[in-house]
PDB file of all heavy atoms in Angstrom:
ATOM      1  N   ASP A   1     246.520  52.484 204.472  1.00  0.00           N
ATOM      2  CA  ASP A   1     246.351  52.109 205.881  1.00  0.00           C
ATOM      3  C   ASP A   1     244.838  51.964 206.222  1.00  0.00           C
ATOM      4  O   ASP A   1     244.450  51.050 206.967  1.00  0.00           O
ATOM      5  CB  ASP A   1     246.916  53.220 206.710  1.00  0.00           C
ATOM      6  CG  ASP A   1     248.481  53.373 206.581  1.00  0.00           C
ATOM      7  OD1 ASP A   1     249.070  52.437 206.028  1.00  0.00           O
ATOM      8  OD2 ASP A   1     248.993  54.391 206.988  1.00  0.00           O
ATOM      9  N   THR A   2     243.974  52.826 205.653  1.00  0.00           N
ATOM     10  CA  THR A   2     242.561  52.738 205.967  1.00  0.00           C
ATOM     11  C   THR A   2     241.928  51.492 205.463  1.00  0.00           C
ATOM     12  O   THR A   2     241.180  50.850 206.151  1.00  0.00           O
ATOM     13  CB  THR A   2     241.882  54.021 205.394  1.00  0.00           C
ATOM     14  OG1 THR A   2     242.436  55.196 206.011  1.00  0.00           O
ATOM     15  CG2 THR A   2     240.348  53.965 205.704  1.00  0.00           C
ATOM     16  N   VAL A   3     242.233  51.141 204.212  1.00  0.00           N
ATOM     17  CA  VAL A   3     241.587  49.960 203.633  1.00  0.00           C
ATOM     18  C   VAL A   3     242.146  48.747 204.283  1.00  0.00           C
ATOM     19  O   VAL A   3     241.327  47.751 204.582  1.00  0.00           O
ATOM     20  CB  VAL A   3     241.918  49.884 202.079  1.00  0.00           C
ATOM     21  CG1 VAL A   3     241.494  48.593 201.446  1.00  0.00           C
ATOM     22  CG2 VAL A   3     241.193  51.036 201.356  1.00  0.00           C
ATOM     23  N   ARG A   4     243.378  48.624 204.617  1.00  0.00           N
ATOM     24  CA  ARG A   4     243.937  47.472 205.441  1.00  0.00           C
ATOM     25  C   ARG A   4     243.194  47.436 206.755  1.00  0.00           C
ATOM     26  O   ARG A   4     242.768  46.305 207.192  1.00  0.00           O
ATOM     27  CB  ARG A   4     245.400  47.609 205.621  1.00  0.00           C
ATOM     28  CG  ARG A   4     246.242  47.415 204.407  1.00  0.00           C
ATOM     29  CD  ARG A   4     247.753  47.431 204.716  1.00  0.00           C
ATOM     30  NE  ARG A   4     248.614  47.119 203.637  1.00  0.00           N
ATOM     31  CZ  ARG A   4     249.859  46.885 203.665  1.00  0.00           C
ATOM     32  NH1 ARG A   4     250.501  46.872 204.876  1.00  0.00           N
ATOM     33  NH2 ARG A   4     250.577  46.587 202.598  1.00  0.00           N
ATOM     34  N   ASP A   5     243.056  48.519 207.440  1.00  0.00           N
ATOM     35  CA  ASP A   5     242.419  48.487 208.766  1.00  0.00           C
ATOM     36  C   ASP A   5     240.963  48.042 208.652  1.00  0.00           C
ATOM     37  O   ASP A   5     240.475  47.293 209.497  1.00  0.00           O
ATOM     38  CB  ASP A   5     242.541  49.851 209.428  1.00  0.00           C
ATOM     39  CG  ASP A   5     243.837  50.169 210.088  1.00  0.00           C
ATOM     40  OD1 ASP A   5     244.614  49.174 210.210  1.00  0.00           O
ATOM     41  OD2 ASP A   5     244.143  51.309 210.424  1.00  0.00           O
ATOM     42  N   PHE A   6     240.264  48.535 207.654  1.00  0.00           N
ATOM     43  CA  PHE A   6     238.841  48.188 207.530  1.00  0.00           C
ATOM     44  C   PHE A   6     238.663  46.714 207.368  1.00  0.00           C
ATOM     45  O   PHE A   6     237.893  46.116 208.063  1.00  0.00           O
ATOM     46  CB  PHE A   6     238.273  48.949 206.338  1.00  0.00           C
ATOM     47  CG  PHE A   6     236.819  48.594 206.071  1.00  0.00           C
ATOM     48  CD1 PHE A   6     235.762  49.167 206.862  1.00  0.00           C
ATOM     49  CD2 PHE A   6     236.493  47.691 205.053  1.00  0.00           C
ATOM     50  CE1 PHE A   6     234.473  48.802 206.625  1.00  0.00           C
ATOM     51  CE2 PHE A   6     235.145  47.364 204.842  1.00  0.00           C
ATOM     52  CZ  PHE A   6     234.180  47.885 205.626  1.00  0.00           C
ATOM     53  N   TRP A   7     239.420  46.100 206.490  1.00  0.00           N
ATOM     54  CA  TRP A   7     239.263  44.686 206.228  1.00  0.00           C
ATOM     55  C   TRP A   7     239.858  43.761 207.270  1.00  0.00           C
ATOM     56  O   TRP A   7     239.496  42.591 207.328  1.00  0.00           O
ATOM     57  CB  TRP A   7     239.743  44.340 204.841  1.00  0.00           C
ATOM     58  CG  TRP A   7     238.823  44.824 203.749  1.00  0.00           C
ATOM     59  CD1 TRP A   7     239.033  45.708 202.848  1.00  0.00           C
ATOM     60  CD2 TRP A   7     237.452  44.361 203.549  1.00  0.00           C
ATOM     61  NE1 TRP A   7     237.929  45.907 201.970  1.00  0.00           N
ATOM     62  CE2 TRP A   7     236.950  45.105 202.421  1.00  0.00           C
ATOM     63  CE3 TRP A   7     236.675  43.386 204.141  1.00  0.00           C
ATOM     64  CZ2 TRP A   7     235.679  44.877 201.987  1.00  0.00           C
ATOM     65  CZ3 TRP A   7     235.388  43.221 203.695  1.00  0.00           C
ATOM     66  CH2 TRP A   7     234.864  43.925 202.619  1.00  0.00           C
ATOM     67  N   ARG A   8     240.704  44.258 208.113  1.00  0.00           N
ATOM     68  CA  ARG A   8     241.154  43.438 209.229  1.00  0.00           C
ATOM     69  C   ARG A   8     240.339  43.647 210.456  1.00  0.00           C
ATOM     70  O   ARG A   8     240.607  43.094 211.548  1.00  0.00           O
ATOM     71  CB  ARG A   8     242.687  43.624 209.569  1.00  0.00           C
ATOM     72  CG  ARG A   8     243.008  44.979 210.175  1.00  0.00           C
ATOM     73  CD  ARG A   8     244.532  45.093 210.202  1.00  0.00           C
ATOM     74  NE  ARG A   8     244.945  46.384 210.783  1.00  0.00           N
ATOM     75  CZ  ARG A   8     245.652  46.562 211.902  1.00  0.00           C
ATOM     76  NH1 ARG A   8     246.074  45.522 212.609  1.00  0.00           N
ATOM     77  NH2 ARG A   8     245.979  47.725 212.355  1.00  0.00           N
ATOM     78  N   GLY A   9     239.314  44.511 210.382  1.00  0.00           N
ATOM     79  CA  GLY A   9     238.227  44.660 211.404  1.00  0.00           C
ATOM     80  C   GLY A   9     238.666  45.608 212.546  1.00  0.00           C
ATOM     81  O   GLY A   9     238.153  45.478 213.660  1.00  0.00           O
ATOM     82  N   GLN A  10     239.512  46.629 212.253  1.00  0.00           N
ATOM     83  CA  GLN A  10     239.848  47.594 213.249  1.00  0.00           C
ATOM     84  C   GLN A  10     238.692  48.577 213.541  1.00  0.00           C
ATOM     85  O   GLN A  10     238.018  48.983 212.568  1.00  0.00           O
ATOM     86  CB  GLN A  10     241.112  48.317 212.853  1.00  0.00           C
ATOM     87  CG  GLN A  10     242.355  47.544 212.887  1.00  0.00           C
ATOM     88  CD  GLN A  10     242.689  46.927 214.240  1.00  0.00           C
ATOM     89  OE1 GLN A  10     243.012  47.711 215.126  1.00  0.00           O
ATOM     90  NE2 GLN A  10     242.570  45.682 214.444  1.00  0.00           N
ATOM     91  N   ASP A  11     238.475  48.933 214.714  1.00  0.00           N
ATOM     92  CA  ASP A  11     237.375  49.809 215.097  1.00  0.00           C
ATOM     93  C   ASP A  11     237.765  51.287 214.942  1.00  0.00           C
ATOM     94  O   ASP A  11     237.962  52.005 215.910  1.00  0.00           O
ATOM     95  CB  ASP A  11     236.991  49.536 216.590  1.00  0.00           C
ATOM     96  CG  ASP A  11     236.253  48.238 216.739  1.00  0.00           C
ATOM     97  OD1 ASP A  11     235.695  47.733 215.720  1.00  0.00           O
ATOM     98  OD2 ASP A  11     236.318  47.665 217.833  1.00  0.00           O
ATOM     99  N   HIS A  12     237.940  51.743 213.680  1.00  0.00           N
ATOM    100  CA  HIS A  12     238.197  53.103 213.418  1.00  0.00           C
ATOM    101  C   HIS A  12     237.009  53.834 212.769  1.00  0.00           C
ATOM    102  O   HIS A  12     237.157  54.959 212.398  1.00  0.00           O
ATOM    103  CB  HIS A  12     239.391  53.218 212.420  1.00  0.00           C
ATOM    104  CG  HIS A  12     240.679  52.728 212.972  1.00  0.00           C
ATOM    105  ND1 HIS A  12     241.068  52.926 214.296  1.00  0.00           N
ATOM    106  CD2 HIS A  12     241.714  52.005 212.427  1.00  0.00           C
ATOM    107  CE1 HIS A  12     242.200  52.344 214.483  1.00  0.00           C
ATOM    108  NE2 HIS A  12     242.624  51.800 213.400  1.00  0.00           N
ATOM    109  N   GLY A  13     235.874  53.121 212.731  1.00  0.00           N
ATOM    110  CA  GLY A  13     234.734  53.791 212.106  1.00  0.00           C
ATOM    111  C   GLY A  13     234.840  53.634 210.566  1.00  0.00           C
ATOM    112  O   GLY A  13     235.833  53.238 210.067  1.00  0.00           O
ATOM    113  N   ILE A  14     233.769  54.009 209.920  1.00  0.00           N
ATOM    114  CA  ILE A  14     233.689  53.764 208.481  1.00  0.00           C
ATOM    115  C   ILE A  14     233.736  55.093 207.642  1.00  0.00           C
ATOM    116  O   ILE A  14     233.802  55.030 206.469  1.00  0.00           O
ATOM    117  CB  ILE A  14     232.396  53.062 208.099  1.00  0.00           C
ATOM    118  CG1 ILE A  14     231.199  53.778 208.664  1.00  0.00           C
ATOM    119  CG2 ILE A  14     232.468  51.599 208.610  1.00  0.00           C
ATOM    120  CD1 ILE A  14     229.889  53.079 208.277  1.00  0.00           C
ATOM    121  N   ALA A  15     233.778  56.258 208.340  1.00  0.00           N
ATOM    122  CA  ALA A  15     233.802  57.522 207.620  1.00  0.00           C
ATOM    123  C   ALA A  15     235.050  57.610 206.736  1.00  0.00           C
ATOM    124  O   ALA A  15     234.986  58.066 205.626  1.00  0.00           O
ATOM    125  CB  ALA A  15     233.625  58.671 208.592  1.00  0.00           C
ATOM    126  N   GLU A  16     236.165  57.282 207.354  1.00  0.00           N
ATOM    127  CA  GLU A  16     237.417  57.396 206.616  1.00  0.00           C
ATOM    128  C   GLU A  16     237.491  56.424 205.474  1.00  0.00           C
ATOM    129  O   GLU A  16     237.998  56.740 204.417  1.00  0.00           O
ATOM    130  CB  GLU A  16     238.662  57.329 207.478  1.00  0.00           C
ATOM    131  CG  GLU A  16     239.954  57.652 206.703  1.00  0.00           C
ATOM    132  CD  GLU A  16     241.148  57.786 207.631  1.00  0.00           C
ATOM    133  OE1 GLU A  16     241.025  57.671 208.815  1.00  0.00           O
ATOM    134  OE2 GLU A  16     242.200  58.053 207.087  1.00  0.00           O
ATOM    135  N   PHE A  17     237.020  55.202 205.664  1.00  0.00           N
ATOM    136  CA  PHE A  17     236.922  54.244 204.598  1.00  0.00           C
ATOM    137  C   PHE A  17     236.128  54.804 203.459  1.00  0.00           C
ATOM    138  O   PHE A  17     236.514  54.664 202.267  1.00  0.00           O
ATOM    139  CB  PHE A  17     236.348  52.902 205.127  1.00  0.00           C
ATOM    140  CG  PHE A  17     236.196  51.890 204.078  1.00  0.00           C
ATOM    141  CD1 PHE A  17     237.276  51.169 203.600  1.00  0.00           C
ATOM    142  CD2 PHE A  17     234.887  51.589 203.532  1.00  0.00           C
ATOM    143  CE1 PHE A  17     237.123  50.159 202.617  1.00  0.00           C
ATOM    144  CE2 PHE A  17     234.760  50.660 202.554  1.00  0.00           C
ATOM    145  CZ  PHE A  17     235.867  49.933 202.102  1.00  0.00           C
ATOM    146  N   ALA A  18     234.973  55.400 203.765  1.00  0.00           N
ATOM    147  CA  ALA A  18     234.153  55.953 202.692  1.00  0.00           C
ATOM    148  C   ALA A  18     234.854  57.051 201.936  1.00  0.00           C
ATOM    149  O   ALA A  18     234.759  57.145 200.656  1.00  0.00           O
ATOM    150  CB  ALA A  18     232.858  56.484 203.311  1.00  0.00           C
ATOM    151  N   SER A  19     235.648  57.890 202.658  1.00  0.00           N
ATOM    152  CA  SER A  19     236.416  58.948 201.999  1.00  0.00           C
ATOM    153  C   SER A  19     237.472  58.410 201.063  1.00  0.00           C
ATOM    154  O   SER A  19     237.661  58.827 199.949  1.00  0.00           O
ATOM    155  CB  SER A  19     237.062  59.828 203.066  1.00  0.00           C
ATOM    156  OG  SER A  19     237.839  60.861 202.447  1.00  0.00           O
ATOM    157  N   ARG A  20     238.165  57.307 201.505  1.00  0.00           N
ATOM    158  CA  ARG A  20     239.204  56.744 200.684  1.00  0.00           C
ATOM    159  C   ARG A  20     238.599  56.017 199.439  1.00  0.00           C
ATOM    160  O   ARG A  20     239.154  56.151 198.341  1.00  0.00           O
ATOM    161  CB  ARG A  20     240.055  55.741 201.468  1.00  0.00           C
ATOM    162  CG  ARG A  20     240.706  56.318 202.753  1.00  0.00           C
ATOM    163  CD  ARG A  20     241.679  57.398 202.403  1.00  0.00           C
ATOM    164  NE  ARG A  20     241.892  58.240 203.553  1.00  0.00           N
ATOM    165  CZ  ARG A  20     241.601  59.509 203.619  1.00  0.00           C
ATOM    166  NH1 ARG A  20     241.103  60.161 202.550  1.00  0.00           N
ATOM    167  NH2 ARG A  20     241.730  60.209 204.713  1.00  0.00           N
ATOM    168  N   LEU A  21     237.455  55.410 199.664  1.00  0.00           N
ATOM    169  CA  LEU A  21     236.774  54.763 198.526  1.00  0.00           C
ATOM    170  C   LEU A  21     236.383  55.734 197.434  1.00  0.00           C
ATOM    171  O   LEU A  21     236.367  55.377 196.252  1.00  0.00           O
ATOM    172  CB  LEU A  21     235.538  54.039 199.082  1.00  0.00           C
ATOM    173  CG  LEU A  21     234.786  53.167 198.086  1.00  0.00           C
ATOM    174  CD1 LEU A  21     235.526  51.853 197.824  1.00  0.00           C
ATOM    175  CD2 LEU A  21     233.363  52.807 198.679  1.00  0.00           C
ATOM    176  N   THR A  22     236.067  56.943 197.817  1.00  0.00           N
ATOM    177  CA  THR A  22     235.582  57.942 196.842  1.00  0.00           C
ATOM    178  C   THR A  22     236.590  58.936 196.404  1.00  0.00           C
ATOM    179  O   THR A  22     236.227  59.946 195.893  1.00  0.00           O
ATOM    180  CB  THR A  22     234.334  58.686 197.482  1.00  0.00           C
ATOM    181  OG1 THR A  22     234.692  59.214 198.726  1.00  0.00           O
ATOM    182  CG2 THR A  22     233.174  57.697 197.660  1.00  0.00           C
ATOM    183  N   GLY A  23     237.894  58.667 196.587  1.00  0.00           N
ATOM    184  CA  GLY A  23     238.906  59.542 195.935  1.00  0.00           C
ATOM    185  C   GLY A  23     239.644  60.403 196.961  1.00  0.00           C
ATOM    186  O   GLY A  23     240.438  61.227 196.519  1.00  0.00           O
ATOM    187  N   SER A  24     239.344  60.357 198.288  1.00  0.00           N
ATOM    188  CA  SER A  24     240.077  61.134 199.245  1.00  0.00           C
ATOM    189  C   SER A  24     239.950  62.662 199.012  1.00  0.00           C
ATOM    190  O   SER A  24     240.917  63.394 198.913  1.00  0.00           O
ATOM    191  CB  SER A  24     241.518  60.760 199.303  1.00  0.00           C
ATOM    192  OG  SER A  24     241.709  59.402 199.756  1.00  0.00           O
ATOM    193  N   SER A  25     238.689  63.117 198.878  1.00  0.00           N
ATOM    194  CA  SER A  25     238.493  64.547 198.649  1.00  0.00           C
ATOM    195  C   SER A  25     239.079  65.384 199.752  1.00  0.00           C
ATOM    196  O   SER A  25     239.475  66.544 199.546  1.00  0.00           O
ATOM    197  CB  SER A  25     237.015  64.823 198.424  1.00  0.00           C
ATOM    198  OG  SER A  25     236.291  64.458 199.571  1.00  0.00           O
TER     199      SER A  25
END
């Protein structure tokens, strides 16, 4: 959900995208 939202330009901020990119610690 986060990666889809990021690339379709949803305004959810980038912190969660960064978390998902790095393994969802």
